[in-house]
């Protein structure tokens, strides 16, 4: 198992939780939009990293 995979999973889950909780913790402003964009990019990058590290599938 690749040692980076658990880190990608942790970052993915933390980004999802952060994105969901930002709607309740930060008032609707430019800061909310910026934080949502940053957490969304983090989620996309970690998901792409997990996809790149996936193992070969058996047919």
Protein backbone atom coordinates (compact mmCIF):
# COMPACT_ATOMS: atom_id res chain seq x y z
CA UNK A 1 0.00 0.00 0.00
CA UNK A 2 1.22 3.44 -0.89
CA UNK A 3 2.00 5.52 2.24
CA UNK A 4 0.45 8.64 0.67
CA UNK A 5 -3.00 7.08 0.21
CA UNK A 6 -4.17 7.51 3.84
CA UNK A 7 -3.10 11.15 3.69
CA UNK A 8 -5.16 11.70 0.54
CA UNK A 9 -8.17 10.08 2.22
CA UNK A 10 -7.76 12.27 5.30
CA UNK A 11 -7.47 15.44 3.20
CA UNK A 12 -10.47 14.42 1.10
CA UNK A 13 -12.69 13.84 4.13
CA UNK A 14 -11.43 16.99 5.89
CA UNK A 15 -12.15 19.04 2.77
CA UNK A 16 -15.67 17.67 2.50
CA UNK A 17 -16.39 18.37 6.17
CA UNK A 18 -14.86 21.85 5.91
CA UNK A 19 -16.89 22.69 2.83
CA UNK A 20 -20.11 21.57 4.48
CA UNK A 21 -19.47 23.36 7.76
CA UNK A 22 -18.42 26.63 6.12
CA UNK A 23 -22.03 27.26 5.16
CA UNK A 24 -23.01 27.35 8.83
CA UNK A 25 -19.96 29.02 10.40
CA UNK A 26 -19.15 31.89 8.04
CA UNK A 27 -21.58 34.61 7.02
CA UNK A 28 -22.46 34.92 3.36
CA UNK A 29 -19.68 37.13 2.04
CA UNK A 30 -16.61 37.06 -0.15
CA UNK A 31 -14.75 35.16 2.56
CA UNK A 32 -17.30 32.35 2.44
CA UNK A 33 -16.95 32.08 -1.33
CA UNK A 34 -13.14 32.09 -1.15
CA UNK A 35 -13.04 29.42 1.56
CA UNK A 36 -15.53 27.26 -0.33
CA UNK A 37 -13.45 27.51 -3.49
CA UNK A 38 -10.26 26.59 -1.61
CA UNK A 39 -11.86 23.60 0.12
CA UNK A 40 -13.40 22.50 -3.19
CA UNK A 41 -10.01 22.60 -4.90
CA UNK A 42 -8.50 20.61 -2.02
CA UNK A 43 -11.20 17.95 -2.43
CA UNK A 44 -10.67 17.76 -6.19
CA UNK A 45 -6.88 17.49 -5.87
CA UNK A 46 -7.05 14.76 -3.24
CA UNK A 47 -9.65 12.84 -5.27
CA UNK A 48 -7.42 13.10 -8.34
CA UNK A 49 -4.47 11.88 -6.30
CA UNK A 50 -6.43 8.87 -5.09
CA UNK A 51 -7.54 8.14 -8.64
CA UNK A 52 -3.95 8.28 -9.89
CA UNK A 53 -2.78 5.90 -7.14
CA UNK A 54 -5.47 3.29 -7.70
CA UNK A 55 -4.31 -0.23 -8.31
CA UNK A 56 -4.81 -2.24 -11.48
CA UNK A 57 -8.18 -3.92 -11.75
CA UNK A 58 -8.50 -7.62 -12.32
CA UNK A 59 -10.58 -8.62 -15.34
